[in-house]
C-alpha cells in the first residue's frame, strides 16, 4: 500500500510501544491530506465542540477517580465536563487493538476541506470509507418515542424522499471508490411506512448491495404477509429496536407497551427466514438493569439472531449537567453490567473494538486483488465480542480460544511483507495461512465442534453473507452472536478525532455522504438536509390522501394547519 508505514510511531511505553511495530499507518489520504495517527494513553488533547454554540474548542481527555473524562471550556459559554468511559481499564484496553487508519475514499464530494466537522460531505480529510450506509426513507413514524432524534411530528415538517431520489442516493453509495458500498440500512423515522418501501428493497438488491437491512420498530412485521414480502424483495436483517423485556421500559423509552409486539414480530421473522439484530437504546436508571436479560433472550433465539448492538443514549438539545451525569451510560458501563448480570463475558478481557478487524480486511483485499470493506473507525467508538454458540446453546467468547491480538498482528505482518505479485500472495495465503495463523487458535478451549478449519469458514461467512446466511444447517459456519456496543457522540462528549474515522454514513438526496456523528450531532446536518428536501403542506395532504390518512400523517397535517406551504 502506498504512503503507509508499518511501525509508525505510537505514543506510550511498554505494551503500547511494543504494539507500535504492528500498526500499519498510512501517512496520507487518497487525495493527499496528511493523517495524524490517533493519540494513545492519558491524558490526551483533542478538539471538541461547545454544546451551546457548536464552536470548535480544545478539550482534554484524562483520568479522574478511575473514570475517563472530557473537559473543555468555551470562552462564551463556560466550562463543560462529561464522562467518556466510566472505567479507565476498558478505555485503555481498547487502545491495545489499534492497527492503523485507512485512507478515506478516492472520490469525495468535498476535495478542499479545511475544518472538521464543518467541511463535511465526505471530504478529503476523512480517513475511512463507508462500512455501513444509511438512507432515511422518511422522518415520520408509527410511534412517537420520547428519546427519538428523528421525528416528523416534533420537527413540524415531512422529509420523505421520492423513489427517484432514493435511487440516486443508492447509486451514490455504489459509486464510492475504492470500495463500493455493499451494506445498506434503510432507516428513518420508521422506514417501513414509506409508500414504496418494498420497491426500495428491490432497488438495493438490483444495484448489487450484498446485505440489506432496516432499522425498525418492527410493528409492521406483526403481519406475516408483510414479512414475507419484505424477504422476497431482498431484505436480509431487521435492526430491531429492542430496549428491554418488560413494558415498563418501553413506556419510558417509546411511550407505549411494546414487548408483545416485539415477540410477535420475531415469530414472523422466523417464519419468513429473516435475521435480527437487537438494537437497545440504553439509559442509566431506565433499562441498564436489563442489558444482561436482553443478551440471554437473544441466545434463546439464536436461530434468528445475528447480533446485539447496544447503543448508549445520545443527548440532543440542552440538558442539565446533573441529569446528564445521572443518565449517561458508557461502553465501559455496558461491559461491566453484562459481566455482572450474565457472567458470560469477562470485563475487560473478552472485549475488543470492532476496528481491530482491519488487518483481516487488508489481508482479504490482497487475496481478492482489490480493497474490501474495512471497519477502520476509532477504537473508542465501539466495543464488542463474538459468542460462539454450540448445539446445546452454550456460548463461548472468541477471546477464550483465540489470541485475537496475536492473530491480527500476524495478518498485518503478512500484509506488510507482501512485496510480490497478487497471484503469489493468493498462493501464499492458501498454502501457508493455515500454518501461520493456527498457532493463535487453541482447539482444546474452543466450543464443541469448532475446529480451526471451521473457524476460518465462519470468518468467511462474516464477509460472504451468502455463506453466513445460507449455512443455517451448521455445516459450513458455526453459530455466532455478535455482542457489541456503539456509542454515538453528542455535543457534550464530541471528539473530532473520532468523527474523522467514522464508518457509518448517511447518503442524502443532493449526493452528499455524511458521517453519523455529523449528521445527527455536532453540526447536525440532518436538520439542514431534511428542511431543504421537506415536502410542502399540499404535498403532505396529497400523500396523506393517497395512503388513507395514517395516524402519523394526520398528526403532522394538523400540526401544519395554517402554516406556510413549505417548511423548507
Protein backbone atom coordinates (compact mmCIF):
# COMPACT_ATOMS: atom_id res chain seq x y z
CA UNK A 1 0.00 0.00 0.00
CA UNK A 2 1.48 3.35 -0.96
CA UNK A 3 2.09 6.06 1.61
CA UNK A 4 1.96 3.66 4.54
CA UNK A 5 4.37 2.71 7.25
CA UNK A 6 4.31 -0.40 9.40
CA UNK A 7 5.57 0.67 12.79
CA UNK A 8 4.75 4.37 12.65
CA UNK A 9 5.42 5.99 16.00
CA UNK A 10 2.79 5.32 18.64
CA UNK A 11 2.97 7.31 21.87
CA UNK A 12 3.42 5.27 25.00
CA UNK A 13 5.74 2.82 26.69
CA UNK A 14 5.71 -0.87 27.48
CA UNK A 15 2.89 -2.76 25.79
CA UNK A 16 1.82 0.26 23.77
CA UNK A 17 5.33 0.84 22.43
CA UNK A 18 5.71 -2.87 21.63
CA UNK A 19 2.42 -2.82 19.73
CA UNK A 20 3.64 0.13 17.63
CA UNK A 21 5.56 -2.10 15.25
CA UNK A 22 2.32 -3.82 14.26
CA UNK A 23 0.49 -0.60 13.34
CA UNK A 24 0.01 -0.24 9.58
CA UNK A 25 -0.39 3.54 9.45
CA UNK A 26 -0.98 5.47 6.18
CA UNK A 27 0.63 8.89 6.03
CA UNK A 28 -1.84 10.42 3.54
CA UNK A 29 -5.43 10.01 2.45
CA UNK A 30 -6.04 9.09 -1.20
CA UNK A 31 -6.23 12.78 -2.09
CA UNK A 32 -3.01 13.63 -0.26
CA UNK A 33 -4.23 15.03 3.07
CA UNK A 34 -1.81 14.18 5.93
CA UNK A 35 -3.20 11.73 8.51
CA UNK A 36 -2.31 12.30 12.14
CA UNK A 37 -2.32 8.94 13.98
CA UNK A 38 -4.78 8.75 16.85
CA UNK A 39 -3.09 9.62 20.17
CA UNK A 40 -2.67 6.96 22.85
CA UNK A 41 -2.73 6.96 26.62
CA UNK A 42 -3.95 9.54 29.11
CA UNK A 43 -4.09 12.46 29.35
CA UNK A 44 -4.52 13.48 25.71
CA UNK A 45 -5.65 16.56 23.84
CA UNK A 46 -8.29 16.68 21.15
CA UNK A 47 -10.79 19.05 19.58
CA UNK A 48 -14.43 19.11 20.57
CA UNK A 49 -17.49 21.35 20.30
CA UNK A 50 -19.23 23.77 22.61
CA UNK A 51 -22.64 22.20 23.41
CA UNK A 52 -24.24 25.67 23.32
CA UNK A 53 -22.85 27.29 20.16
CA UNK A 54 -21.11 24.27 18.49
CA UNK A 55 -17.90 26.27 18.11
CA UNK A 56 -14.79 24.10 17.78
CA UNK A 57 -12.88 24.26 21.06
CA UNK A 58 -9.91 22.39 22.56
CA UNK A 59 -10.61 19.59 25.01
CA UNK A 60 -8.57 17.34 27.24
CA UNK A 61 -9.34 13.69 27.97
CA UNK A 62 -7.96 12.49 31.30
CA UNK A 63 -8.43 10.03 34.12
CA UNK A 64 -10.34 11.10 37.20
CA UNK A 65 -11.23 8.67 40.01
CA UNK A 66 -10.91 5.67 37.72
CA UNK A 67 -13.10 7.21 35.02
CA UNK A 68 -12.16 8.82 31.71
CA UNK A 69 -13.46 12.38 31.50
CA UNK A 70 -13.60 15.09 28.86
CA UNK A 71 -13.09 18.67 29.98
CA UNK A 72 -13.42 21.74 27.77
CA UNK A 73 -14.16 25.44 28.02
CA UNK A 74 -15.92 27.79 25.63
CA UNK A 75 -14.95 31.43 26.04
CA UNK A 76 -18.57 32.48 25.74
CA UNK A 77 -20.44 29.63 27.44
CA UNK A 78 -18.05 28.40 30.09
CA UNK A 79 -16.75 25.00 31.17
CA UNK A 80 -18.21 21.57 30.40
CA UNK A 81 -17.34 18.16 31.78
CA UNK A 82 -18.59 14.72 30.76
CA UNK A 83 -17.86 11.03 31.19
CA UNK A 84 -16.25 9.36 28.18
CA UNK A 85 -15.70 5.90 29.74
CA UNK A 86 -16.73 5.02 33.27
CA UNK A 87 -13.75 2.66 33.64
CA UNK A 88 -10.23 3.64 32.58
CA UNK A 89 -9.15 -0.01 32.25
CA UNK A 90 -11.69 -0.66 29.48
CA UNK A 91 -10.73 2.59 27.73
CA UNK A 92 -7.03 1.72 27.65
CA UNK A 93 -7.73 -1.89 26.70
CA UNK A 94 -9.44 -0.70 23.51
CA UNK A 95 -6.24 1.14 22.52
CA UNK A 96 -4.28 -2.12 22.51
CA UNK A 97 -6.17 -3.11 19.35
CA UNK A 98 -5.14 -0.16 17.17
CA UNK A 99 -3.83 -1.39 13.80
CA UNK A 100 -3.76 1.94 11.97
CA UNK A 101 -6.02 4.08 9.85
CA UNK A 102 -7.44 3.71 6.37
CA UNK A 103 -7.02 6.26 3.52
CA UNK A 104 -10.56 7.56 3.07
CA UNK A 105 -12.14 7.48 -0.39
CA UNK A 106 -10.83 8.38 -3.84
CA UNK A 107 -13.86 10.39 -4.92
CA UNK A 108 -15.07 12.55 -2.00
CA UNK A 109 -17.52 15.30 -2.83
CA UNK A 110 -15.50 17.84 -0.80
CA UNK A 111 -11.90 17.93 -2.04
CA UNK A 112 -10.55 21.04 -0.32
CA UNK A 113 -11.77 20.62 3.27
CA UNK A 114 -10.01 22.65 5.92
CA UNK A 115 -12.07 22.18 9.07
CA UNK A 116 -13.68 19.05 10.52
CA UNK A 117 -16.59 18.63 11.13
CA UNK A 118 -18.00 21.65 9.28
CA UNK A 119 -16.47 20.97 5.82
CA UNK A 120 -18.30 17.70 5.50
CA UNK A 121 -19.65 15.53 2.81
CA UNK A 122 -17.43 13.15 2.68
CA UNK A 123 -14.22 15.12 2.44
CA UNK A 124 -10.55 14.58 1.73
CA UNK A 125 -9.77 14.76 5.46
CA UNK A 126 -11.87 11.69 6.26
CA UNK A 127 -9.79 8.52 6.73
CA UNK A 128 -12.44 5.78 6.47
CA UNK A 129 -14.67 4.61 3.66
CA UNK A 130 -18.28 3.63 4.26
CA UNK A 131 -18.72 0.41 6.24
CA UNK A 132 -22.48 0.71 6.76
CA UNK A 133 -24.61 3.20 4.82
CA UNK A 134 -27.90 4.66 5.98
CA UNK A 135 -30.66 6.10 3.86
CA UNK A 136 -33.52 7.73 5.75
CA UNK A 137 -36.68 6.89 3.82
CA UNK A 138 -38.82 9.22 5.96
CA UNK A 139 -38.84 11.13 9.21
CA UNK A 140 -42.37 10.04 10.10
CA UNK A 141 -43.12 7.08 12.30
CA UNK A 142 -45.96 4.97 13.64
CA UNK A 143 -44.60 5.61 17.14
CA UNK A 144 -43.80 8.84 18.99
CA UNK A 145 -40.78 7.84 21.06
CA UNK A 146 -39.66 10.34 23.73
CA UNK A 147 -35.97 9.56 23.04
CA UNK A 148 -36.07 9.80 19.21
CA UNK A 149 -33.93 12.37 17.35
CA UNK A 150 -35.78 11.90 14.01
CA UNK A 151 -39.46 12.71 14.47
CA UNK A 152 -41.66 14.42 11.90
CA UNK A 153 -44.24 15.44 14.47
CA UNK A 154 -41.61 17.13 16.63
CA UNK A 155 -39.93 18.76 13.61
CA UNK A 156 -43.20 20.04 12.12
CA UNK A 157 -42.26 19.05 8.56
CA UNK A 158 -42.17 15.89 6.48
CA UNK A 159 -38.96 14.59 4.95
CA UNK A 160 -39.76 11.68 2.69
CA UNK A 161 -37.60 11.32 -0.44
CA UNK A 162 -39.20 10.21 -3.66
CA UNK A 163 -38.30 6.84 -5.14
CA UNK A 164 -36.20 8.62 -7.78
CA UNK A 165 -34.25 10.45 -5.07
CA UNK A 166 -33.70 7.18 -3.23
CA UNK A 167 -32.31 5.58 -6.39
CA UNK A 168 -29.86 8.48 -6.67
CA UNK A 169 -28.76 8.04 -3.06
CA UNK A 170 -28.23 4.31 -3.57
CA UNK A 171 -26.18 4.92 -6.71
CA UNK A 172 -24.01 7.48 -4.89
CA UNK A 173 -23.06 4.75 -2.44
CA UNK A 174 -22.35 2.17 -5.13
CA UNK A 175 -20.13 4.71 -6.91
CA UNK A 176 -17.89 5.21 -3.86
CA UNK A 177 -14.26 4.28 -4.56
CA UNK A 178 -12.09 2.34 -3.99
CA UNK A 179 -14.75 0.25 -2.22
CA UNK A 180 -18.32 0.38 -3.48
CA UNK A 181 -20.71 0.32 -0.55
CA UNK A 182 -22.11 -3.17 -0.02
CA UNK A 183 -24.20 -2.91 3.15
CA UNK A 184 -27.24 -0.63 3.17
CA UNK A 185 -29.60 0.12 6.01
CA UNK A 186 -32.89 1.88 5.39
CA UNK A 187 -33.79 3.98 8.39
CA UNK A 188 -35.93 6.92 9.43
CA UNK A 189 -38.29 7.62 11.15
CA UNK A 190 -39.78 4.24 10.52
CA UNK A 191 -38.69 3.13 7.04
CA UNK A 192 -41.49 0.63 6.56
CA UNK A 193 -44.11 3.41 6.36
CA UNK A 194 -42.61 4.80 3.16
CA UNK A 195 -45.19 4.15 0.40
CA UNK A 196 -42.55 2.45 -1.80
CA UNK A 197 -40.66 0.61 0.91
CA UNK A 198 -40.69 -2.73 -0.91
CA UNK A 199 -39.56 -1.06 -4.14
CA UNK A 200 -36.61 0.42 -2.24
CA UNK A 201 -35.57 -3.06 -1.11
CA UNK A 202 -35.79 -4.35 -4.68
CA UNK A 203 -33.78 -1.42 -6.00
CA UNK A 204 -30.98 -2.02 -3.49
CA UNK A 205 -30.88 -5.67 -4.46
CA UNK A 206 -30.79 -4.85 -8.17
CA UNK A 207 -27.94 -2.36 -7.65
CA UNK A 208 -25.77 -5.05 -6.09
CA UNK A 209 -25.87 -4.37 -2.37
CA UNK A 210 -24.83 -7.64 -0.75
CA UNK A 211 -26.63 -7.05 2.52
CA UNK A 212 -29.85 -5.09 3.02
CA UNK A 213 -31.19 -4.26 6.45
CA UNK A 214 -33.64 -1.87 8.07
CA UNK A 215 -33.69 -0.01 11.37
CA UNK A 216 -37.24 -0.66 12.51
CA UNK A 217 -39.57 -0.78 15.49
CA UNK A 218 -40.96 -3.99 13.97
CA UNK A 219 -44.65 -3.08 14.23
CA UNK A 220 -45.49 -3.90 10.61
CA UNK A 221 -43.76 -7.27 10.95
CA UNK A 222 -46.61 -8.42 13.16
CA UNK A 223 -48.16 -9.13 9.75
CA UNK A 224 -46.61 -12.34 8.38
CA UNK A 225 -47.51 -11.45 4.79
CA UNK A 226 -45.60 -8.17 5.11
CA UNK A 227 -42.55 -10.00 6.48
CA UNK A 228 -42.64 -12.49 3.61
CA UNK A 229 -42.97 -9.72 1.00
CA UNK A 230 -40.01 -7.89 2.54
CA UNK A 231 -37.92 -11.06 2.42
CA UNK A 232 -38.88 -11.66 -1.22
CA UNK A 233 -37.99 -8.05 -2.09
CA UNK A 234 -34.44 -8.51 -0.77
CA UNK A 235 -34.45 -7.76 2.95
CA UNK A 236 -31.92 -9.74 4.98
CA UNK A 237 -31.87 -8.31 8.52
CA UNK A 238 -34.01 -6.29 10.90
CA UNK A 239 -32.10 -3.93 13.18
CA UNK A 240 -34.93 -4.26 15.66
CA UNK A 241 -35.48 -1.57 18.27
CA UNK A 242 -35.39 -3.66 21.46
CA UNK A 243 -34.97 -1.71 24.69
CA UNK A 244 -35.88 -4.45 27.16
CA UNK A 245 -38.11 -7.34 28.10
CA UNK A 246 -40.76 -5.57 30.16
CA UNK A 247 -43.33 -2.97 29.22
CA UNK A 248 -42.35 -0.55 31.98
CA UNK A 249 -39.14 0.05 30.00
CA UNK A 250 -41.00 0.67 26.71
CA UNK A 251 -43.43 3.05 28.39
CA UNK A 252 -40.44 5.21 29.33
CA UNK A 253 -38.41 4.91 26.11
CA UNK A 254 -41.15 4.55 23.48
CA UNK A 255 -44.33 5.78 25.18
CA UNK A 256 -46.23 2.50 24.63
CA UNK A 257 -46.17 -1.11 25.89
CA UNK A 258 -44.42 -2.97 23.10
CA UNK A 259 -42.91 -6.25 24.27
CA UNK A 260 -45.83 -8.30 22.89
CA UNK A 261 -45.43 -6.60 19.50
CA UNK A 262 -41.68 -7.34 19.50
CA UNK A 263 -42.22 -11.03 20.23
CA UNK A 264 -44.89 -11.29 17.52
CA UNK A 265 -42.55 -9.66 15.00
CA UNK A 266 -39.82 -12.13 15.95
CA UNK A 267 -42.17 -15.06 15.31
CA UNK A 268 -42.89 -13.78 11.81
CA UNK A 269 -39.22 -13.09 11.13
CA UNK A 270 -38.55 -16.73 11.97
CA UNK A 271 -41.30 -17.92 9.63
CA UNK A 272 -40.16 -15.64 6.81
CA UNK A 273 -36.50 -16.68 7.06
CA UNK A 274 -35.07 -13.29 8.05
CA UNK A 275 -32.46 -12.39 10.68
CA UNK A 276 -32.49 -9.94 13.59
CA UNK A 277 -30.00 -7.67 15.34
CA UNK A 278 -31.39 -6.28 18.61
CA UNK A 279 -30.78 -2.52 18.97
CA UNK A 280 -31.37 -1.45 22.57
CA UNK A 281 -31.04 2.24 23.42
CA UNK A 282 -29.67 2.20 26.97
CA UNK A 283 -30.34 4.94 29.53
CA UNK A 284 -28.86 4.70 33.01
CA UNK A 285 -31.62 4.24 35.56
CA UNK A 286 -34.17 3.25 32.90
CA UNK A 287 -33.10 -0.05 31.34
CA UNK A 288 -29.41 -0.62 32.14
CA UNK A 289 -30.52 -3.34 34.57
CA UNK A 290 -31.79 -5.38 31.59
CA UNK A 291 -28.73 -5.47 29.32
CA UNK A 292 -27.99 -9.00 30.56
CA UNK A 293 -31.57 -10.17 30.10
CA UNK A 294 -31.51 -8.87 26.51
CA UNK A 295 -28.37 -10.93 25.85
CA UNK A 296 -29.88 -14.07 27.39
CA UNK A 297 -33.06 -13.60 25.35
CA UNK A 298 -31.00 -13.26 22.16
CA UNK A 299 -29.20 -16.53 22.93
CA UNK A 300 -32.55 -18.24 23.48
CA UNK A 301 -33.48 -17.15 19.95
CA UNK A 302 -30.10 -17.79 18.36
CA UNK A 303 -31.71 -19.37 15.29
CA UNK A 304 -32.82 -15.93 14.08
CA UNK A 305 -30.25 -13.70 15.80
CA UNK A 306 -27.15 -12.20 14.20
CA UNK A 307 -26.19 -9.87 17.00
CA UNK A 308 -26.95 -7.15 19.50
CA UNK A 309 -25.91 -3.53 19.01
CA UNK A 310 -26.32 -1.77 22.34
CA UNK A 311 -26.49 2.00 21.88
CA UNK A 312 -25.94 4.24 24.91
CA UNK A 313 -28.33 7.16 24.75
CA UNK A 314 -27.20 10.29 22.92
CA UNK A 315 -28.37 13.61 24.37
CA UNK A 316 -29.84 16.14 21.96
CA UNK A 317 -30.65 19.71 22.90
CA UNK A 318 -29.93 21.20 26.31
CA UNK A 319 -29.78 19.04 29.41
CA UNK A 320 -28.57 19.92 32.89
CA UNK A 321 -25.18 18.60 33.98
CA UNK A 322 -26.80 16.76 36.90
CA UNK A 323 -29.36 14.96 34.74
CA UNK A 324 -26.75 14.17 32.11
CA UNK A 325 -24.42 12.58 34.65
CA UNK A 326 -27.29 10.58 36.14
CA UNK A 327 -28.39 9.18 32.77
CA UNK A 328 -25.04 8.92 30.96
CA UNK A 329 -24.27 5.29 30.08
CA UNK A 330 -20.91 4.46 28.52
CA UNK A 331 -19.43 1.45 26.77
CA UNK A 332 -17.50 0.64 29.93
CA UNK A 333 -20.80 0.51 31.83
CA UNK A 334 -22.06 -1.94 29.22
CA UNK A 335 -19.04 -4.22 29.69
CA UNK A 336 -19.34 -4.08 33.47
CA UNK A 337 -23.10 -4.70 33.51
CA UNK A 338 -23.00 -7.65 31.12
CA UNK A 339 -20.39 -9.39 33.25
CA UNK A 340 -22.33 -8.69 36.45
CA UNK A 341 -25.71 -9.67 35.00
CA UNK A 342 -24.72 -12.74 32.98
CA UNK A 343 -21.18 -13.90 33.81
CA UNK A 344 -20.82 -14.83 30.12
CA UNK A 345 -18.33 -12.14 29.06
CA UNK A 346 -15.39 -11.09 31.22
CA UNK A 347 -14.56 -7.41 31.55
CA UNK A 348 -12.30 -6.19 30.03
CA UNK A 349 -10.57 -9.38 28.78
CA UNK A 350 -13.25 -10.55 26.32
CA UNK A 351 -13.93 -7.19 24.67
CA UNK A 352 -12.23 -5.54 21.72
CA UNK A 353 -13.05 -2.61 19.37
CA UNK A 354 -14.62 -3.51 16.06
CA UNK A 355 -11.82 -1.58 14.34
CA UNK A 356 -9.38 -4.34 15.31
CA UNK A 357 -10.60 -6.34 12.29
CA UNK A 358 -8.78 -4.04 9.84
CA UNK A 359 -5.83 -6.47 9.37
CA UNK A 360 -8.28 -9.20 8.31
CA UNK A 361 -9.82 -6.86 5.74
CA UNK A 362 -6.41 -5.85 4.40
CA UNK A 363 -5.34 -9.46 4.05
CA UNK A 364 -8.61 -10.38 2.37
CA UNK A 365 -8.13 -7.49 -0.05
CA UNK A 366 -4.76 -8.88 -1.10
CA UNK A 367 -6.24 -12.30 -1.72
CA UNK A 368 -9.10 -10.87 -3.77
CA UNK A 369 -6.97 -8.39 -5.64
CA UNK A 370 -8.89 -5.30 -4.54
CA UNK A 371 -9.80 -3.47 -1.36
CA UNK A 372 -12.70 -4.73 0.71
CA UNK A 373 -14.92 -3.20 3.39
CA UNK A 374 -12.71 -2.15 6.30
CA UNK A 375 -14.13 -1.01 9.65
CA UNK A 376 -11.37 1.48 10.44
CA UNK A 377 -13.38 3.51 12.93
CA UNK A 378 -11.86 4.95 16.10
CA UNK A 379 -11.06 2.46 18.87
CA UNK A 380 -13.34 4.25 21.32
CA UNK A 381 -16.42 4.30 19.07
CA UNK A 382 -17.29 0.69 19.84
CA UNK A 383 -16.53 -2.48 21.69
CA UNK A 384 -17.70 -6.00 21.03
CA UNK A 385 -17.06 -9.69 21.04
CA UNK A 386 -18.29 -12.75 19.22
CA UNK A 387 -20.00 -15.52 21.15
CA UNK A 388 -19.70 -18.97 19.54
CA UNK A 389 -22.82 -20.95 20.42
CA UNK A 390 -22.80 -24.75 20.40
CA UNK A 391 -25.68 -27.13 19.69
CA UNK A 392 -26.72 -27.13 23.35
CA UNK A 393 -26.95 -23.33 23.46
CA UNK A 394 -23.75 -22.82 25.46
CA UNK A 395 -21.79 -19.72 24.44
CA UNK A 396 -18.04 -19.09 24.43
CA UNK A 397 -16.43 -15.70 23.72
CA UNK A 398 -13.94 -15.86 20.84
CA UNK A 399 -11.21 -14.50 23.10
CA UNK A 400 -11.27 -17.68 25.22
CA UNK A 401 -9.82 -19.85 22.43
CA UNK A 402 -8.24 -17.29 20.09
CA UNK A 403 -5.37 -14.86 20.65
CA UNK A 404 -7.13 -12.02 18.83
CA UNK A 405 -4.29 -9.51 19.11
CA UNK A 406 -1.68 -12.07 18.08
CA UNK A 407 -3.65 -13.23 15.04
CA UNK A 408 -4.33 -9.71 13.78
CA UNK A 409 -0.71 -8.69 14.32
CA UNK A 410 0.35 -11.64 12.20
CA UNK A 411 -2.09 -10.64 9.49
CA UNK A 412 -0.65 -7.13 9.45
CA UNK A 413 2.84 -8.58 9.13
CA UNK A 414 1.77 -10.62 6.11
CA UNK A 415 0.28 -7.51 4.52
CA UNK A 416 3.47 -5.52 5.10
CA UNK A 417 5.70 -8.23 3.66
CA UNK A 418 3.60 -8.65 0.54
CA UNK A 419 6.05 -7.04 -1.87
CA UNK A 420 5.22 -9.56 -4.58
CA UNK A 421 2.55 -10.25 -7.19
CA UNK A 422 -1.04 -10.72 -6.07
CA UNK A 423 -1.00 -14.23 -7.55
CA UNK A 424 1.86 -15.20 -5.26
CA UNK A 425 0.06 -13.59 -2.33
CA UNK A 426 -3.04 -15.62 -3.11
CA UNK A 427 -0.99 -18.80 -3.23
CA UNK A 428 0.80 -17.80 -0.04
CA UNK A 429 -2.45 -17.31 1.80
CA UNK A 430 -3.91 -20.57 0.56
CA UNK A 431 -0.77 -22.60 1.25
CA UNK A 432 0.62 -21.01 4.41
CA UNK A 433 -2.08 -19.02 6.23
CA UNK A 434 -3.40 -22.14 7.93
CA UNK A 435 0.01 -22.80 9.50
CA UNK A 436 0.82 -19.12 10.06
CA UNK A 437 -2.39 -18.36 11.96
CA UNK A 438 -3.31 -21.68 13.53
CA UNK A 439 -0.97 -21.19 16.49
CA UNK A 440 -3.27 -18.42 17.74
CA UNK A 441 -6.21 -20.85 17.91
CA UNK A 442 -6.48 -23.24 20.90
CA UNK A 443 -8.81 -26.05 19.87
CA UNK A 444 -8.80 -27.51 23.41
CA UNK A 445 -10.56 -24.35 24.64
CA UNK A 446 -12.91 -23.97 21.67
CA UNK A 447 -16.56 -24.97 21.91
CA UNK A 448 -17.60 -28.43 20.80
CA UNK A 449 -17.32 -28.97 17.05
CA UNK A 450 -15.30 -25.84 16.32
CA UNK A 451 -12.13 -26.84 14.50
CA UNK A 452 -9.71 -24.28 13.12
CA UNK A 453 -10.92 -25.02 9.59
CA UNK A 454 -14.49 -24.39 10.61
CA UNK A 455 -13.40 -21.23 12.40
CA UNK A 456 -11.88 -19.95 9.14
CA UNK A 457 -15.08 -20.90 7.32
CA UNK A 458 -17.02 -18.87 9.88
CA UNK A 459 -14.79 -15.86 9.22
CA UNK A 460 -15.51 -16.39 5.52
CA UNK A 461 -19.22 -16.32 6.34
CA UNK A 462 -18.81 -12.94 8.07
CA UNK A 463 -17.53 -11.48 4.80
CA UNK A 464 -19.58 -13.52 2.32
CA UNK A 465 -23.12 -13.09 3.61
CA UNK A 466 -24.47 -15.75 1.27
CA UNK A 467 -22.43 -18.34 3.13
CA UNK A 468 -23.21 -16.88 6.52
CA UNK A 469 -26.94 -16.59 5.91
CA UNK A 470 -27.18 -19.73 3.83
CA UNK A 471 -25.48 -22.03 6.32
CA UNK A 472 -28.27 -22.30 8.88
CA UNK A 473 -27.84 -26.08 8.88
CA UNK A 474 -24.46 -25.53 10.53
CA UNK A 475 -22.38 -27.50 8.04
CA UNK A 476 -20.15 -24.60 6.98
CA UNK A 477 -20.21 -21.81 9.55
CA UNK A 478 -20.57 -22.07 13.32
CA UNK A 479 -23.40 -20.29 15.09
CA UNK A 480 -22.24 -16.94 16.41
CA UNK A 481 -23.72 -13.90 18.10
CA UNK A 482 -22.03 -10.51 17.80
CA UNK A 483 -22.43 -8.65 21.09
CA UNK A 484 -21.41 -5.04 20.54
CA UNK A 485 -21.89 -1.53 21.77
CA UNK A 486 -21.70 1.58 19.58
CA UNK A 487 -21.67 4.92 21.40
CA UNK A 488 -22.63 7.70 19.02
CA UNK A 489 -21.48 11.11 20.19
CA UNK A 490 -23.39 14.17 21.28
CA UNK A 491 -22.08 17.71 21.71
CA UNK A 492 -21.03 17.06 25.30
CA UNK A 493 -18.60 14.21 24.54
CA UNK A 494 -17.76 15.17 20.93
CA UNK A 495 -14.27 14.13 19.79
CA UNK A 496 -13.27 15.25 16.30
CA UNK A 497 -10.60 12.51 16.16
CA UNK A 498 -13.50 10.05 16.18
CA UNK A 499 -15.50 11.93 13.55
CA UNK A 500 -12.65 11.74 11.01
CA UNK A 501 -12.69 7.94 11.24
CA UNK A 502 -16.44 7.27 11.24
CA UNK A 503 -17.54 4.28 9.10
CA UNK A 504 -21.33 4.64 9.48
CA UNK A 505 -22.55 7.17 6.93
CA UNK A 506 -25.72 8.75 5.55
CA UNK A 507 -26.46 9.25 1.86
CA UNK A 508 -28.64 12.29 1.08
CA UNK A 509 -30.66 13.49 -1.94
CA UNK A 510 -28.04 16.03 -3.06
CA UNK A 511 -25.35 13.37 -3.49
CA UNK A 512 -23.60 14.10 -0.18
CA UNK A 513 -22.41 11.45 2.28
CA UNK A 514 -22.23 12.41 5.96
CA UNK A 515 -20.67 10.57 8.94
CA UNK A 516 -23.24 9.55 11.55
CA UNK A 517 -21.89 11.94 14.18
CA UNK A 518 -22.03 15.00 11.94
CA UNK A 519 -25.48 14.10 10.59
CA UNK A 520 -27.17 13.51 13.94
CA UNK A 521 -24.98 15.52 16.33
CA UNK A 522 -22.39 18.27 16.26
CA UNK A 523 -23.29 20.30 13.13
CA UNK A 524 -26.49 18.17 12.83
CA UNK A 525 -26.59 18.17 9.03
CA UNK A 526 -29.81 16.15 9.31
CA UNK A 527 -31.77 19.34 10.02
CA UNK A 528 -30.29 21.14 7.00
CA UNK A 529 -30.92 18.21 4.66
CA UNK A 530 -34.44 17.49 5.86
CA UNK A 531 -35.53 21.11 5.69
CA UNK A 532 -34.07 21.55 2.22
CA UNK A 533 -35.89 18.49 0.91
CA UNK A 534 -39.03 18.59 3.05
CA UNK A 535 -42.49 18.37 1.46
CA UNK A 536 -44.89 21.29 1.23
CA UNK A 537 -48.19 21.18 3.13
CA UNK A 538 -50.00 20.45 -0.14
CA UNK A 539 -47.69 17.53 -0.84
CA UNK A 540 -48.24 16.21 2.68
CA UNK A 541 -52.01 16.42 2.20
CA UNK A 542 -51.73 14.57 -1.11
CA UNK A 543 -49.55 11.89 0.46
CA UNK A 544 -51.98 11.53 3.35
CA UNK A 545 -54.91 11.06 0.98
CA UNK A 546 -53.03 8.53 -1.14
CA UNK A 547 -52.20 6.45 1.91
CA UNK A 548 -55.60 6.68 3.55
CA UNK A 549 -54.55 9.19 6.21
CA UNK A 550 -52.39 7.04 8.51
CA UNK A 551 -52.33 8.45 12.03
CA UNK A 552 -48.78 9.80 11.82
CA UNK A 553 -49.70 11.86 8.73
CA UNK A 554 -52.95 13.05 10.32
CA UNK A 555 -50.98 14.36 13.28
CA UNK A 556 -48.50 16.12 11.02
CA UNK A 557 -51.19 17.71 8.81
CA UNK A 558 -52.90 19.06 11.92
CA UNK A 559 -49.61 20.48 13.16
CA UNK A 560 -49.01 22.16 9.79
CA UNK A 561 -52.55 23.61 9.55
CA UNK A 562 -52.40 27.28 8.70
CA UNK A 563 -48.66 27.17 8.14
CA UNK A 564 -46.90 28.37 5.03
CA UNK A 565 -46.98 25.94 2.10
CA UNK A 566 -43.43 24.73 2.66
CA UNK A 567 -41.35 24.14 5.73
CA UNK A 568 -38.06 24.23 3.87
